Each structure stands twice: as structure tokens, then as C-alpha cells.
Protein backbone atom coordinates (compact mmCIF):
# COMPACT_ATOMS: atom_id res chain seq x y z
CA MET A 1 -48.93 -2.69 26.75
CA LEU A 2 -46.36 -4.90 28.50
CA GLN A 3 -45.44 -6.43 25.12
CA ALA A 4 -44.87 -2.92 23.70
CA LEU A 5 -42.58 -2.07 26.60
CA GLU A 6 -40.70 -5.28 25.97
CA TRP A 7 -39.95 -4.29 22.36
CA ILE A 8 -38.97 -0.80 23.47
CA LEU A 9 -36.40 -2.25 25.87
CA PHE A 10 -34.98 -4.64 23.25
CA GLY A 11 -34.78 -1.87 20.62
CA ALA A 12 -33.17 0.62 23.02
CA ALA A 13 -30.62 -1.96 24.17
CA SER A 14 -29.66 -2.88 20.59
CA VAL A 15 -29.40 0.74 19.39
CA GLY A 16 -27.38 1.65 22.49
CA ALA A 17 -25.03 -1.26 21.87
CA VAL A 18 -24.40 -0.06 18.32
CA ALA A 19 -23.68 3.45 19.56
CA VAL A 20 -21.28 2.17 22.23
CA GLY A 21 -19.46 -0.08 19.72
CA VAL A 22 -19.04 2.73 17.20
CA SER A 23 -17.78 5.12 19.89
CA ARG A 24 -15.38 2.56 21.34
CA TYR A 25 -13.82 0.96 18.27
CA ARG A 26 -14.17 3.88 15.76
CA PRO A 27 -14.47 1.90 12.50
CA ALA A 28 -13.23 3.34 9.21
CA ARG A 29 -16.82 3.99 8.05
CA VAL A 30 -19.44 4.82 10.63
CA ALA A 31 -22.36 5.20 8.18
CA PRO A 32 -23.26 1.47 7.81
CA TRP A 33 -23.42 0.98 11.57
CA LEU A 34 -25.58 4.08 12.07
CA GLN A 35 -27.87 2.86 9.30
CA LEU A 36 -28.05 -0.53 11.01
CA ALA A 37 -28.97 1.21 14.28
CA ALA A 38 -31.68 3.14 12.41
CA ALA A 39 -33.00 -0.15 10.99
CA VAL A 40 -33.20 -1.66 14.49
CA ALA A 41 -34.95 1.44 15.78
CA CYS A 42 -37.53 1.23 12.94
CA LEU A 43 -38.07 -2.48 13.67
CA ALA A 44 -38.60 -1.74 17.36
CA ILE A 45 -41.04 1.06 16.58
CA GLY A 46 -42.91 -1.22 14.21
CA ASP A 47 -43.11 -3.95 16.85
CA VAL A 48 -44.48 -1.43 19.37
CA PHE A 49 -47.22 -0.30 16.97
CA TYR A 50 -47.92 -3.92 16.02
CA ALA A 51 -48.40 -4.73 19.73
CA LEU A 52 -50.79 -1.76 19.94
CA ASP A 53 -52.81 -3.09 16.93
CA GLU A 54 -51.64 -0.27 14.64
CA ARG A 55 -50.87 -2.60 11.72
CA ASN A 56 -50.63 0.03 8.97
CA VAL A 57 -48.11 2.13 10.88
CA ALA A 58 -46.18 -1.03 11.76
CA ASP A 59 -45.97 -2.08 8.08
CA VAL A 60 -44.55 1.34 7.17
CA CYS A 61 -41.93 0.98 9.90
CA TYR A 62 -41.03 -2.53 8.69
CA LEU A 63 -40.56 -1.32 5.11
CA THR A 64 -38.47 1.60 6.34
CA MET A 65 -36.38 -0.89 8.29
CA PHE A 66 -35.62 -2.83 5.10
CA VAL A 67 -34.61 0.42 3.40
CA PHE A 68 -32.05 1.18 6.14
CA VAL A 69 -30.84 -2.42 6.09
CA SER A 70 -30.31 -2.21 2.32
CA LEU A 71 -28.30 0.99 2.69
CA ALA A 72 -26.22 -0.56 5.45
CA LEU A 73 -25.46 -3.62 3.31
CA ILE A 74 -24.42 -1.40 0.40
CA GLN A 75 -22.03 0.43 2.74
CA PHE A 76 -20.67 -2.81 4.22
CA THR A 77 -19.79 -4.12 0.78
CA ARG A 78 -18.44 -0.83 -0.68
CA GLY A 79 -14.68 -0.65 -1.12
CA GLY A 80 -13.96 -2.97 1.80
CA ALA A 81 -10.96 -5.21 2.29
CA LEU A 82 -13.30 -8.18 2.78
CA LEU A 83 -15.33 -7.70 -0.37
CA MET A 84 -12.85 -5.99 -2.69
CA ASN A 85 -15.32 -6.41 -5.52
CA ARG A 86 -19.03 -6.83 -4.86
CA ALA A 87 -20.10 -7.10 -8.49
CA ARG A 88 -20.64 -10.87 -8.36
CA LEU A 89 -22.48 -10.55 -5.04
CA ILE A 90 -24.88 -8.01 -6.53
CA ASP A 91 -25.49 -10.21 -9.58
CA LEU A 92 -26.28 -13.23 -7.41
CA LEU A 93 -28.54 -11.22 -5.12
CA ALA A 94 -30.52 -9.87 -8.06
CA ALA A 95 -30.85 -13.37 -9.51
CA SER A 96 -31.90 -14.73 -6.12
CA CYS A 97 -34.52 -11.99 -5.76
CA ALA A 98 -35.96 -12.77 -9.20
CA GLY A 99 -35.95 -16.51 -8.53
CA LEU A 100 -37.72 -16.12 -5.18
CA LEU A 101 -40.36 -13.96 -6.88
CA VAL A 102 -41.03 -16.64 -9.44
CA VAL A 103 -41.25 -19.35 -6.78
CA TRP A 104 -43.56 -17.29 -4.60
CA VAL A 105 -45.97 -16.27 -7.38
CA PHE A 106 -46.17 -19.49 -9.42
CA VAL A 107 -45.42 -22.17 -6.79
CA ILE A 108 -46.67 -20.88 -3.43
CA GLY A 109 -49.25 -18.29 -4.60
CA GLY A 110 -51.93 -17.04 -2.24
CA SER A 111 -51.84 -13.29 -2.83
CA GLY A 112 -48.39 -12.82 -1.45
CA HIS A 113 -49.01 -14.82 1.75
CA PHE A 114 -48.41 -18.39 2.75
CA GLY A 115 -50.77 -18.65 5.59
CA ALA A 116 -50.01 -15.27 7.28
CA VAL A 117 -46.38 -15.17 6.10
CA ALA A 118 -45.54 -11.96 4.19
CA ALA A 119 -43.56 -12.53 1.04
CA SER A 120 -41.73 -9.19 1.34
CA ASP A 121 -40.46 -10.10 4.82
CA VAL A 122 -39.20 -13.48 3.72
CA LEU A 123 -37.59 -12.05 0.61
CA GLY A 124 -35.77 -9.32 2.55
CA ALA A 125 -34.60 -11.77 5.24
CA LEU A 126 -33.20 -14.18 2.62
CA LEU A 127 -31.26 -11.43 0.87
CA LEU A 128 -29.87 -10.25 4.22
CA ILE A 129 -28.77 -13.80 5.03
CA GLY A 130 -27.05 -14.04 1.64
CA VAL A 131 -25.01 -10.85 2.16
CA ALA A 132 -24.10 -11.75 5.75
CA GLY A 133 -23.05 -15.24 4.63
CA ARG A 134 -20.80 -13.74 1.98
CA LEU A 135 -19.22 -11.50 4.59
CA ILE A 136 -18.59 -14.53 6.80
CA VAL A 137 -16.84 -16.36 3.95
CA ALA A 138 -14.76 -13.33 3.00
CA ALA A 139 -13.76 -12.55 6.58
CA TRP A 140 -13.14 -16.17 7.44
CA PHE A 141 -15.43 -16.44 10.45
CA ASN A 142 -15.65 -12.82 11.51
CA TRP A 143 -17.74 -12.74 14.70
CA SER A 144 -19.51 -9.53 13.81
CA ALA A 145 -20.53 -10.98 10.42
CA VAL A 146 -21.62 -14.20 12.16
CA LEU A 147 -23.82 -12.24 14.54
CA LEU A 148 -25.34 -10.24 11.68
CA CYS A 149 -26.14 -13.49 9.90
CA ALA A 150 -27.56 -14.99 13.13
CA GLY A 151 -29.86 -11.99 13.50
CA ALA A 152 -31.08 -12.35 9.91
CA VAL A 153 -31.73 -16.09 10.40
CA GLY A 154 -33.65 -15.29 13.58
CA MET A 155 -35.79 -12.73 11.72
CA LEU A 156 -36.53 -15.21 8.91
CA ALA A 157 -37.45 -17.93 11.41
CA SER A 158 -39.82 -15.64 13.30
CA ASP A 159 -41.40 -14.30 10.09
CA ILE A 160 -42.29 -17.82 9.09
CA ALA A 161 -43.14 -19.18 12.54
CA TYR A 162 -45.25 -16.17 13.59
CA GLY A 163 -47.17 -16.27 10.30
CA LEU A 164 -48.01 -19.93 10.73
CA HIS A 165 -48.64 -20.05 14.47
CA PRO A 166 -48.57 -16.73 16.39
CA SER A 167 -47.35 -17.18 19.95
CA TRP A 168 -44.69 -15.87 22.32
CA TYR A 169 -42.08 -18.48 21.36
CA SER A 170 -42.45 -17.65 17.66
CA GLU A 171 -41.14 -14.18 18.50
CA ILE A 172 -37.84 -15.50 19.90
CA GLY A 173 -36.19 -14.94 16.51
CA TYR A 174 -36.91 -11.22 16.73
CA MET A 175 -35.31 -11.13 20.17
CA VAL A 176 -32.30 -12.91 18.71
CA LEU A 177 -32.19 -10.23 16.00
CA TYR A 178 -31.98 -7.39 18.55
CA LEU A 179 -29.36 -9.10 20.68
CA ALA A 180 -27.24 -10.39 17.78
CA TRP A 181 -27.05 -7.09 15.94
CA GLY A 182 -26.21 -5.24 19.14
CA GLY A 183 -23.52 -7.80 19.91
CA ALA A 184 -22.10 -7.50 16.40
CA ALA A 185 -21.37 -3.82 17.05
CA LEU A 186 -19.84 -4.54 20.46
CA HIS A 187 -17.34 -7.13 19.17
CA PRO A 188 -13.87 -5.80 18.19
CA SER A 189 -14.04 -7.56 14.84
CA MET A 190 -16.64 -5.02 13.68
CA VAL A 191 -13.90 -2.72 12.42
CA ARG A 192 -12.84 -5.26 9.78
CA LEU A 193 -16.20 -5.08 8.05
CA THR A 194 -15.52 -1.49 6.93
CA THR A 195 -11.75 -1.49 6.54
CA SER A 196 -10.84 -0.07 3.13
CA GLY A 197 -8.82 -1.99 0.63
CA PRO A 198 -7.70 -1.64 -3.00
CA ALA A 199 -10.57 -1.92 -5.46
CA ARG A 200 -9.95 -4.61 -8.07
CA PRO A 201 -12.14 -4.31 -11.16
CA THR A 202 -13.75 -7.44 -12.47
CA ALA A 203 -13.33 -8.42 -16.07
CA TRP A 204 -16.47 -8.13 -18.15
CA GLU A 205 -18.15 -11.50 -18.65
CA GLY A 206 -21.21 -11.94 -20.85
CA ARG A 207 -22.91 -14.58 -18.70
CA TRP A 208 -23.00 -12.34 -15.64
CA ALA A 209 -24.38 -9.43 -17.63
CA THR A 210 -27.04 -11.76 -19.07
CA LEU A 211 -27.90 -12.97 -15.56
CA LEU A 212 -28.32 -9.38 -14.31
CA GLY A 213 -30.44 -8.44 -17.32
CA CYS A 214 -32.74 -11.43 -16.84
CA SER A 215 -33.07 -10.59 -13.14
CA VAL A 216 -34.19 -7.04 -13.94
CA ALA A 217 -36.64 -8.24 -16.61
CA THR A 218 -38.23 -10.92 -14.41
CA PRO A 219 -40.58 -8.74 -12.25
CA PRO A 220 -42.16 -6.95 -15.26
CA LEU A 221 -42.52 -10.29 -17.03
CA VAL A 222 -44.24 -11.86 -14.03
CA LEU A 223 -46.57 -8.85 -13.81
CA LEU A 224 -47.34 -9.18 -17.53
CA ILE A 225 -48.19 -12.89 -17.17
CA GLU A 226 -50.53 -12.22 -14.24
CA ALA A 227 -52.20 -9.35 -16.14
CA VAL A 228 -52.76 -11.50 -19.21
CA SER A 229 -53.99 -14.43 -17.15
CA GLY A 230 -56.59 -12.38 -15.27
CA THR A 231 -56.46 -10.48 -12.00
CA VAL A 232 -53.11 -9.31 -10.63
CA THR A 233 -53.03 -10.96 -7.18
CA ASP A 234 -49.33 -10.49 -6.27
CA GLY A 235 -48.84 -6.81 -7.00
CA VAL A 236 -47.15 -6.02 -3.67
CA VAL A 237 -44.67 -8.88 -3.99
CA ILE A 238 -43.88 -7.96 -7.60
CA ALA A 239 -43.39 -4.30 -6.64
CA VAL A 240 -41.02 -5.18 -3.80
CA ALA A 241 -39.00 -7.57 -5.96
CA SER A 242 -38.86 -5.07 -8.81
CA ALA A 243 -37.64 -2.34 -6.46
CA LEU A 244 -34.94 -4.58 -5.02
CA THR A 245 -33.63 -5.72 -8.40
CA LEU A 246 -33.70 -2.14 -9.68
CA VAL A 247 -31.71 -0.86 -6.65
CA LEU A 248 -29.20 -3.66 -7.07
CA THR A 249 -28.81 -2.93 -10.78
CA ILE A 250 -28.32 0.81 -10.19
CA THR A 251 -25.76 -0.01 -7.49
CA ARG A 252 -23.95 -2.30 -9.92
CA LEU A 253 -23.83 0.39 -12.60
CA ALA A 254 -22.75 3.04 -10.05
CA ASP A 255 -19.90 0.78 -8.92
CA SER A 256 -18.77 0.32 -12.51
CA VAL A 257 -18.82 4.07 -13.18
CA THR A 258 -16.97 4.80 -9.94
CA LEU A 259 -14.26 2.20 -10.62
CA ASN A 260 -13.87 3.46 -14.18
CA SER A 261 -13.49 7.06 -12.97
CA GLN A 262 -10.91 6.06 -10.38
CA ALA A 263 -9.01 4.04 -12.96
CA LEU A 264 -8.98 7.00 -15.34
CA VAL A 265 -7.63 9.30 -12.62
CA ARG A 266 -4.88 6.79 -11.73
CA GLU A 267 -4.05 6.22 -15.39
CA ARG A 268 -3.81 9.95 -16.13
CA ALA A 269 -1.65 10.58 -13.05
CA LEU A 270 0.70 7.70 -13.88
CA ARG A 271 0.86 8.72 -17.54
CA GLU A 272 1.80 12.27 -16.67
CA ALA A 273 4.34 11.02 -14.12
CA SER A 274 5.82 8.66 -16.69
CA ALA A 275 6.25 11.49 -19.19
CA ALA A 276 7.88 13.71 -16.57
CA LEU A 277 10.19 10.93 -15.39
CA VAL A 278 11.32 10.09 -18.90
CA ALA A 279 12.34 13.72 -19.43
CA ALA A 280 13.92 14.12 -15.96
CA PRO A 281 17.60 15.07 -16.30
CA ASP A 282 18.57 14.58 -12.65
CA GLU A 283 17.40 13.31 -9.26
CA ALA A 284 15.82 16.64 -8.32
CA ALA A 285 13.52 16.46 -11.34
CA VAL A 286 12.60 12.87 -10.48
CA ASP A 287 11.75 13.94 -6.93
CA GLU A 288 9.51 16.74 -8.23
CA ALA A 289 7.69 14.43 -10.65
CA VAL A 290 7.07 11.80 -7.97
CA ARG A 291 5.67 14.34 -5.51
CA ALA A 292 3.38 15.78 -8.18
CA ALA A 293 2.06 12.30 -8.97
CA VAL A 294 1.49 11.48 -5.29
CA THR A 295 -0.53 14.69 -4.97
CA GLN A 296 -2.84 13.50 -7.76
CA LEU A 297 -3.14 9.92 -6.46
CA LEU A 298 -3.82 10.70 -2.79
CA PRO A 299 -5.98 13.29 -1.04
CA PRO A 300 -3.62 15.95 0.38
CA ASN A 301 -5.49 16.12 3.72
CA ASP A 302 -4.95 12.37 4.37
CA LEU A 303 -1.22 12.44 3.60
CA THR A 304 1.18 13.58 6.34
CA ARG A 305 4.64 13.22 4.83
CA VAL A 306 6.34 12.09 1.62
CA LEU A 307 10.00 11.12 1.65
CA PHE A 308 11.77 10.32 -1.62
CA ALA A 309 15.21 8.91 -0.79
CA THR A 310 17.41 7.81 -3.68
CA ASP A 311 20.00 6.20 -1.42
CA ASP A 312 19.53 3.83 1.53
CA ARG A 313 22.19 5.79 3.37
CA GLN A 314 19.77 8.73 3.52
CA LEU A 315 17.39 6.64 5.65
CA THR A 316 17.83 5.67 9.28
CA LEU A 317 17.56 2.06 10.33
CA ASP A 318 14.46 2.89 12.34
CA ALA A 319 12.72 4.39 9.35
CA VAL A 320 13.28 1.50 6.96
CA PRO A 321 13.06 -1.98 8.45
CA PRO A 322 14.25 -5.02 6.49
CA ALA A 323 12.08 -6.12 3.61
CA PRO A 324 9.69 -9.04 4.22
CA ALA A 325 10.84 -12.57 3.54
CA THR A 326 8.71 -12.81 0.38
CA PRO A 327 10.78 -12.65 -2.82
CA HIS A 328 11.05 -9.14 -4.35
CA PRO A 329 8.38 -7.32 -2.32
CA ARG A 330 7.01 -4.25 -4.08
CA SER A 331 5.96 -2.53 -0.85
CA TRP A 332 5.42 -3.21 2.83
CA TRP A 333 4.21 -1.41 5.97
CA LEU A 334 6.60 0.08 8.48
CA THR A 335 4.33 -1.29 11.24
CA PRO A 336 2.03 -4.18 10.23
CA PRO A 337 -1.66 -3.54 11.03
CA ALA A 338 -2.69 -4.94 14.38
CA ASP A 339 -5.84 -6.97 14.98
CA GLY A 340 -8.79 -4.70 15.44
CA ASP A 341 -7.13 -1.75 13.70
CA PRO A 342 -9.91 0.30 12.06
CA GLY A 343 -7.57 1.46 9.34
CA THR A 344 -8.05 5.18 10.03
CA GLY A 345 -4.81 5.59 12.04
CA GLN A 346 -1.46 6.82 10.79
CA ALA A 347 0.78 4.37 8.96
CA THR A 348 3.91 4.43 6.79
CA LEU A 349 4.06 2.64 3.45
CA ILE A 350 7.50 1.79 2.06
CA CYS A 351 7.95 1.32 -1.70
CA PRO A 352 11.55 0.35 -2.56
CA LEU A 353 13.26 2.02 -5.51
CA TRP A 354 14.75 -1.21 -6.70
CA LEU A 355 14.60 -3.01 -10.07
CA GLU A 356 16.36 -6.36 -9.95
CA PRO A 357 17.64 -6.43 -13.57
CA LEU A 358 19.20 -2.97 -13.13
CA ALA A 359 20.46 -3.39 -9.56
CA VAL A 360 24.04 -2.88 -10.68
CA ALA A 361 23.21 0.67 -11.79
CA ARG A 362 22.23 1.84 -8.26
CA PRO A 363 23.44 -0.70 -5.66
CA ASN A 364 22.42 1.66 -2.81
CA GLY A 365 18.69 1.30 -3.57
CA GLY A 366 16.45 3.91 -1.96
CA ALA A 367 12.78 4.04 -1.16
CA LEU A 368 9.60 6.10 -1.45
CA LEU A 369 8.08 6.55 2.04
CA LEU A 370 4.53 7.81 2.46
CA GLU A 371 2.97 8.54 5.86
CA GLY A 372 -0.79 9.05 6.16
CA ARG A 373 -4.06 7.26 6.85
CA ARG A 374 -3.66 3.52 6.44
CA ASP A 375 -6.96 3.02 4.60
CA VAL A 376 -6.12 5.74 2.05
CA LEU A 377 -2.65 4.32 1.43
CA ALA A 378 -4.04 0.80 1.12
CA THR A 379 -6.56 1.92 -1.52
CA SER A 380 -3.85 3.44 -3.74
CA ARG A 381 -1.10 0.98 -2.89
CA ASP A 382 -0.96 -0.60 -6.35
CA ALA A 383 -0.64 2.77 -8.09
CA LEU A 384 2.08 3.87 -5.64
CA GLU A 385 4.03 0.68 -6.32
CA VAL A 386 3.85 1.38 -10.05
CA LEU A 387 4.98 4.98 -9.46
CA ALA A 388 7.93 3.79 -7.39
CA GLY A 389 8.91 1.38 -10.14
CA GLN A 390 8.82 4.17 -12.75
CA ALA A 391 10.90 6.40 -10.47
CA ALA A 392 13.44 3.61 -9.97
CA LEU A 393 13.67 3.15 -13.75
CA ALA A 394 14.26 6.89 -14.20
CA LEU A 395 16.98 6.91 -11.51
CA ASP A 396 18.63 3.88 -13.09
CA ARG A 397 18.57 5.61 -16.47
CA ILE A 398 20.17 8.76 -15.01
CA SER A 399 22.79 6.65 -13.18
CA LEU A 400 23.64 4.71 -16.35
CA VAL A 401 23.86 7.89 -18.43
CA ASP A 402 26.19 9.38 -15.82
CA ALA A 403 28.22 6.19 -15.76
CA VAL A 404 28.57 6.25 -19.54
CA GLY A 405 29.60 9.90 -19.37
CA ARG A 406 32.22 9.14 -16.72
CA ARG A 407 33.51 6.21 -18.75
CA ASP A 408 33.86 8.39 -21.83
CA SER A 409 35.60 11.02 -19.74
CA ASP A 410 37.98 8.40 -18.36
CA LEU A 411 38.67 7.06 -21.83
CA TYR A 412 39.39 10.56 -23.05
CA LEU A 413 41.70 11.18 -20.12
CA ARG A 414 43.39 7.82 -20.72
CA ALA A 415 44.00 8.67 -24.37
CA VAL A 416 45.36 12.13 -23.62
CA ILE A 417 47.82 11.29 -20.85
CA ARG A 418 48.69 7.71 -21.84
CA ASN A 419 52.24 8.54 -22.92
CA THR A 420 52.93 11.34 -20.48
CA ALA A 421 54.90 11.13 -17.26
CA ASP A 422 52.17 12.84 -15.23
CA ILE A 423 50.76 10.77 -12.40
CA MET A 424 46.97 11.20 -12.24
CA LEU A 425 44.18 9.31 -10.45
CA VAL A 426 40.38 9.58 -10.33
CA VAL A 427 39.03 8.45 -6.97
CA ASP A 428 35.33 7.81 -6.33
CA ASP A 429 33.42 9.09 -3.33
CA ASP A 430 33.99 5.72 -1.57
CA GLN A 431 37.80 6.24 -2.18
CA VAL A 432 38.02 3.45 -4.74
CA ILE A 433 40.42 4.25 -7.59
CA ARG A 434 38.39 4.48 -10.79
CA TYR A 435 41.25 5.45 -13.09
CA ALA A 436 45.02 5.52 -12.66
CA SER A 437 47.47 6.75 -15.25
CA PRO A 438 50.20 4.35 -16.49
CA ALA A 439 52.82 6.50 -14.80
CA LEU A 440 51.49 5.48 -11.39
CA ARG A 441 51.79 1.79 -12.14
CA LYS A 442 55.29 2.35 -13.41
CA LEU A 443 56.20 4.35 -10.27
CA ILE A 444 55.06 1.71 -7.81
CA GLY A 445 56.24 -1.21 -9.93
CA ARG A 446 52.90 -2.87 -10.64
CA GLU A 447 51.52 -3.94 -13.97
CA GLU A 448 47.85 -3.62 -12.96
CA LEU A 449 45.89 -2.50 -9.94
CA ALA A 450 43.51 -4.96 -8.32
CA PRO A 451 39.77 -4.22 -8.65
CA PHE A 452 38.30 -1.97 -5.94
CA THR A 453 41.76 -0.79 -4.87
CA THR A 454 41.65 2.36 -2.75
CA LEU A 455 44.28 5.02 -2.47
CA ALA A 456 44.79 4.11 1.17
CA ASP A 457 45.78 0.57 0.03
CA LEU A 458 48.73 1.96 -1.93
CA VAL A 459 50.23 4.11 0.78
CA HIS A 460 52.13 3.09 3.91
CA PRO A 461 49.92 2.16 6.92
CA ASP A 462 51.30 5.21 8.78
CA ASP A 463 49.89 7.47 6.03
CA SER A 464 46.60 5.67 5.28
CA GLY A 465 44.74 7.44 8.10
CA GLN A 466 45.48 10.93 6.85
CA VAL A 467 44.63 9.92 3.28
CA ARG A 468 41.19 8.64 4.32
CA ARG A 469 40.53 11.77 6.36
CA ALA A 470 41.55 14.05 3.53
CA LEU A 471 39.25 12.35 1.03
CA ARG A 472 36.30 12.42 3.43
CA GLU A 473 36.38 16.19 3.77
CA ASP A 474 35.12 18.75 1.27
CA GLY A 475 37.44 20.95 -0.70
CA ASP A 476 40.85 20.71 -2.32
CA GLY A 477 44.18 20.14 -0.66
CA VAL A 478 47.70 18.79 -0.70
CA LEU A 479 49.18 15.94 1.30
CA TYR A 480 52.43 14.02 1.48
CA CYS A 481 52.50 10.26 1.71
CA ALA A 482 54.72 7.29 0.97
CA LEU A 483 53.72 4.75 -1.71
CA ARG A 484 54.77 1.17 -1.19
CA ARG A 485 56.34 -0.98 -3.84
CA PRO A 486 56.23 -4.80 -4.05
CA ASP A 487 59.85 -4.97 -2.85
CA ASP A 488 58.86 -3.02 0.32
CA THR A 489 60.67 0.12 -0.79
CA GLN A 490 58.86 3.43 -0.61
CA VAL A 491 58.28 6.41 -2.86
CA LEU A 492 57.57 9.76 -1.28
CA VAL A 493 55.00 11.72 -3.29
CA GLU A 494 53.26 15.05 -3.09
CA ALA A 495 49.52 14.44 -3.80
CA THR A 496 47.35 17.38 -4.86
CA TYR A 497 43.65 16.52 -4.91
CA ARG A 498 40.65 18.40 -6.25
CA ASP A 499 37.14 17.75 -5.01
CA LEU A 500 34.99 17.33 -8.16
CA ARG A 501 32.28 15.17 -6.65
CA GLU A 502 29.61 17.66 -7.72
CA ASP A 503 30.81 17.62 -11.31
CA ARG A 504 28.42 15.46 -13.35
CA LEU A 505 31.16 14.01 -15.55
CA VAL A 506 33.72 13.35 -12.78
CA GLN A 507 31.82 12.72 -9.51
CA GLY A 508 34.98 12.05 -7.56
CA PHE A 509 38.42 13.33 -6.62
CA VAL A 510 41.11 14.10 -9.22
CA VAL A 511 44.52 13.41 -7.64
CA THR A 512 47.82 14.42 -9.23
CA MET A 513 51.07 13.16 -7.76
CA ARG A 514 54.68 14.31 -7.95
CA ASP A 515 57.63 12.15 -6.97
CA VAL A 516 59.60 14.03 -4.36
CA THR A 517 61.77 11.12 -3.25
CA ARG A 518 64.91 12.42 -4.93
CA ALA A 519 64.63 15.64 -2.95
CA HIS A 520 65.15 13.66 0.26
CA ASP A 521 67.78 11.35 1.61
CA PRO A 522 67.97 7.96 -0.19
CA VAL A 523 67.34 6.28 3.11
CA GLU A 524 63.68 7.35 2.67
CA ARG A 525 63.39 4.32 0.41
CA ILE A 526 64.29 1.99 3.29
CA PRO A 527 61.11 0.10 4.34
CA HIS A 528 59.45 0.79 7.67
CA LEU A 529 60.55 -1.78 10.23
CA GLU A 530 58.98 -2.69 13.51
CA HIS A 531 62.36 -2.98 15.27
CA VAL A 532 64.79 -0.25 14.32
CA ASP A 533 67.18 -0.53 17.31
CA ALA A 534 69.65 -2.50 15.27
CA LEU A 535 69.80 0.11 12.53
CA PRO A 536 72.49 2.80 12.53
CA ALA A 537 71.73 5.95 14.42
CA TRP A 538 71.57 8.11 11.31
CA VAL A 539 68.94 5.78 9.89
CA ASN A 540 66.89 6.08 13.07
CA ARG A 541 67.23 9.84 12.93
CA ARG A 542 66.07 9.99 9.32
CA SER A 543 63.24 7.59 10.15
CA ALA A 544 62.08 9.91 12.95
CA GLN A 545 62.29 12.86 10.60
CA HIS A 546 60.17 10.90 8.14
CA LYS A 547 57.48 10.18 10.73
CA PHE A 548 57.27 13.79 11.94
CA ARG A 549 57.88 15.63 8.70
CA TYR A 550 54.26 16.71 8.45
């Protein structure tokens, strides 16, 4: 009775530790930890009945424990960042199960027992050790995975030791199992075992498919050999091994079907988005196509906000941090995940709208920002990067088409007014002169304008401020300013500007100028001087009138 109470205390402590760990750290998936707690509870109940000499009930509890452990292992290895693809692990586990069956039946023998050691217990413990070891390698010494493996090793050691020589010290491994699995749930690293990550399908390889097929065929073949040889003496072991290999095979096929379905959904969403982006005539249509694709790729309940900014100037510095130091990053997190983050919190993924070969088309860049659950964004991160690349290509195409249209418009304007005396300029939104008629160059005495020359560069410094202010505001207007010549003389002009920045073919200001110098005193052509005290009084008076004529 005291021994039964001992196992009740160990089981209650381990189950309570799992409950506390799940409540405290809130992992991305709670199911595997609850199934692990159920397995510990079944083991404790079985130990209690075993201590009370109820062996049949204890065996049922032990088998139920292995069922819950198997379900927990399937959950631990499903869609996790540690084991992005568990196909190879399942193949190796099935092959190990079949190999252990052959060794037990044809090498050890003895009706499924070596002494009093149960083959099913040893087989289950070995498979558990294999999965826990794979988790340790994938997580690079994750303490929760190490404790899970330590508990499995303790169970294997006690299964063998207790079968060979039953005593109190041969049960130490079971005590280690209770303590280790409870400690695995209490350690902060437990959240990493269920953190979601992008699923990466494995290429089909014939040798792995052959290995899985041989593993599934081994238990029936062993049963056939025993039946032909005489009495079937290892039926329980063969049944357990056959059930394990069958479950592993079904899990492998289910994973393949799930990955194929997810790939089809992503492919259909990206294909529809690509068709919509190819036909998009403007940025608004690109925005609509991107949002429709995001709705198909991500669950709407797990996505908080979608921001499609075609220009970096539309984003605040706090919203878009600098890109990582890696060359040409396709995406990055606004806030990198912290240690112990379960992955269920809110995060922001930044996908730049930038294609290096076409960077000249849209030098201002832009980005696709998605805010939602980190694990959901991480799972679809590759597809979102592809979508951002397609959107960037569509925006570059629209920008290049508009640029070609503006160039053709400028060439047409150049051909029409080439031999006229009208002074006309086309100024971009950043106030850089895109086109200037030959009459302007003749007026200011210059053969060519330097690249990236602005209108403020051509006027007198006293007038550059009002020119910049006028071209920053919306609407049309008229202003008076003085143009400077290379010989420091000035030309007074009346500039009438029209705001055509919303026009698809112009996208800038159209400025027409009229020389009004002859309507004023010739002294207007005298250059501005810093010291005008030495000039005649009438010159000073005309200079003052020039400064305050507006």
C-alpha cells in the first residue's frame, strides 16, 4: 500500500508540473503537453495497480500510456520549427521498429520475454528515445528535449533491470521518468518544441520509400514465418510492432497529403495573384490584388493588419527598421523573436518591394507589412516573400510604362515647340527639371542644363525660397522671379505653373515663362551685390523696389 501511495505522489507531482508549465509559458500547441500529462497519469495508475497485484489492469494502463506518448510525439514533430520535415524521422522509426522485431523474435526469442522483460515495453522505450534524441539534435541541446530523453532512458533502464532482478533500486528509472518529464514542462525551453515554422516538403526518393515499404511488410512476414514453422509464440510482439509501423506509415501518408494540399492552396493563390498583378493598370489595382492574395494565404482571424506601401516615404522610421546586414534580405521581423517566445504573440513581418535589377524604376522602394500571430506568419513566410516580389515586379512595370509615356510626351512636346519662342518647363514632384524648351537655355545663356537641375537653382537666391514653396503646394499659380545668367546679369520673368502631378502622362508641374525684363528699368539687370552703399542712390532705390515688388 505504501508503494502505491509512492507512485500516486510521483504521478501527481509530474502531472501537476506539466499543468503549471503549460499555464505559465503558454506554448504554441498545448495538445502534446496535455497528451504527455495523460501518458504520465496512465503510467502512475498502472504502477498503482501493479503494486496492488492487479497485473491485467496495469498492462492496460501501460498500453494506454504508450498510445498517449505516441500521440504526443506526433504532435511534437508536426509542423515545428525544430523538425520542419519529419518524413525521414518516421521512415527511420518504422525501420527501427521492424528491425527490433526481427532481433527479438529470431535472436532473443522466449515468447516475447527475455527473462521477465516485456518486448513491447522495450520497443516503445527505444522509439521514444529515438524521437527525443532527434529533437535534441534539431534543437541543439534543448533542455526540455534532454529531459524527455532522460525520462525515456530511465524507463528503458527500469524495464530491463526490473525484468531481470526486481527490487527497489531497479525502479529508480521510473522515478527519473516522472521527475524528468515534469521538469521538461517546467523549463522555459519547452515552448520551442512546439513553435511553428515553414513546412519544407522533401523530394521523393526511391530508397526511403522502399525502406518504409519493407518496414510495413516485416511484421506480417515474421508472423508468416512463425506460422509456417509451427506455433506462433510471439503474437503479442508482432501485433505491437505491426500496429506501430502501421501508425507511422499512416502518419507519413497523412503528412504527404497535408503538405500537398497546402502547396496547392499556396500555388493557386499565387497564380491568381500573378494573373491579377499582370493585368493591374495602376497601384490601386496592385494593392487590391495583394490584399486578396494575403486573404487566401493567411487565416483572417490570425491577421491583424496589412499595410501595402509603395513608397518608403509612406512609412515611419519606427515602422520600418533598417534591413538586416545579410545581402538582399527578402523579409525580416520588425522585432526579432525573444528567447522563450512561444510564437503565438503578435509580430510584424516586413517584405520589401525591391528588385535589385529594376531598382532604377522605383528608387523609393516600399514594403508589404503584415501584423498578426508570429507562428502563422512564419508558416507562410516563403509564400508572402514570393507575393511581395510579384507585387514589386508589377509596380516596376507600371513605373516603367509611365516613364515611357512621359518620355514620349516630352519628345512630342520637344518636337512641337522646338522652334518656338515660348519658354516652357516640366518640373517633377521633387522640383527637378525634366524638360526645358530651347528658349529657356537661350534666355539664360546656357547651352545645356546640368543633370538634376532644379528650378530653384536657376533663380536668384532671394527668389529660391518662394519658388520652392510654390511648387510644394497644390494648385496652379503665378510668381515673379529673377533668372541668373553666367555673367551675373538677371532676367525678370513671369512664371505661370500648372499642377499636373495627378496626370498620368505628365506627373509634374508645367511651367511657362514670359520675359518681363524690358517692362522694367534696365538697372534690373544689374547683379545683386552684398554691398550697395557705393552704388548711386537711384540704383539703390530701384534695388529696393526690386526686393519688395511682390
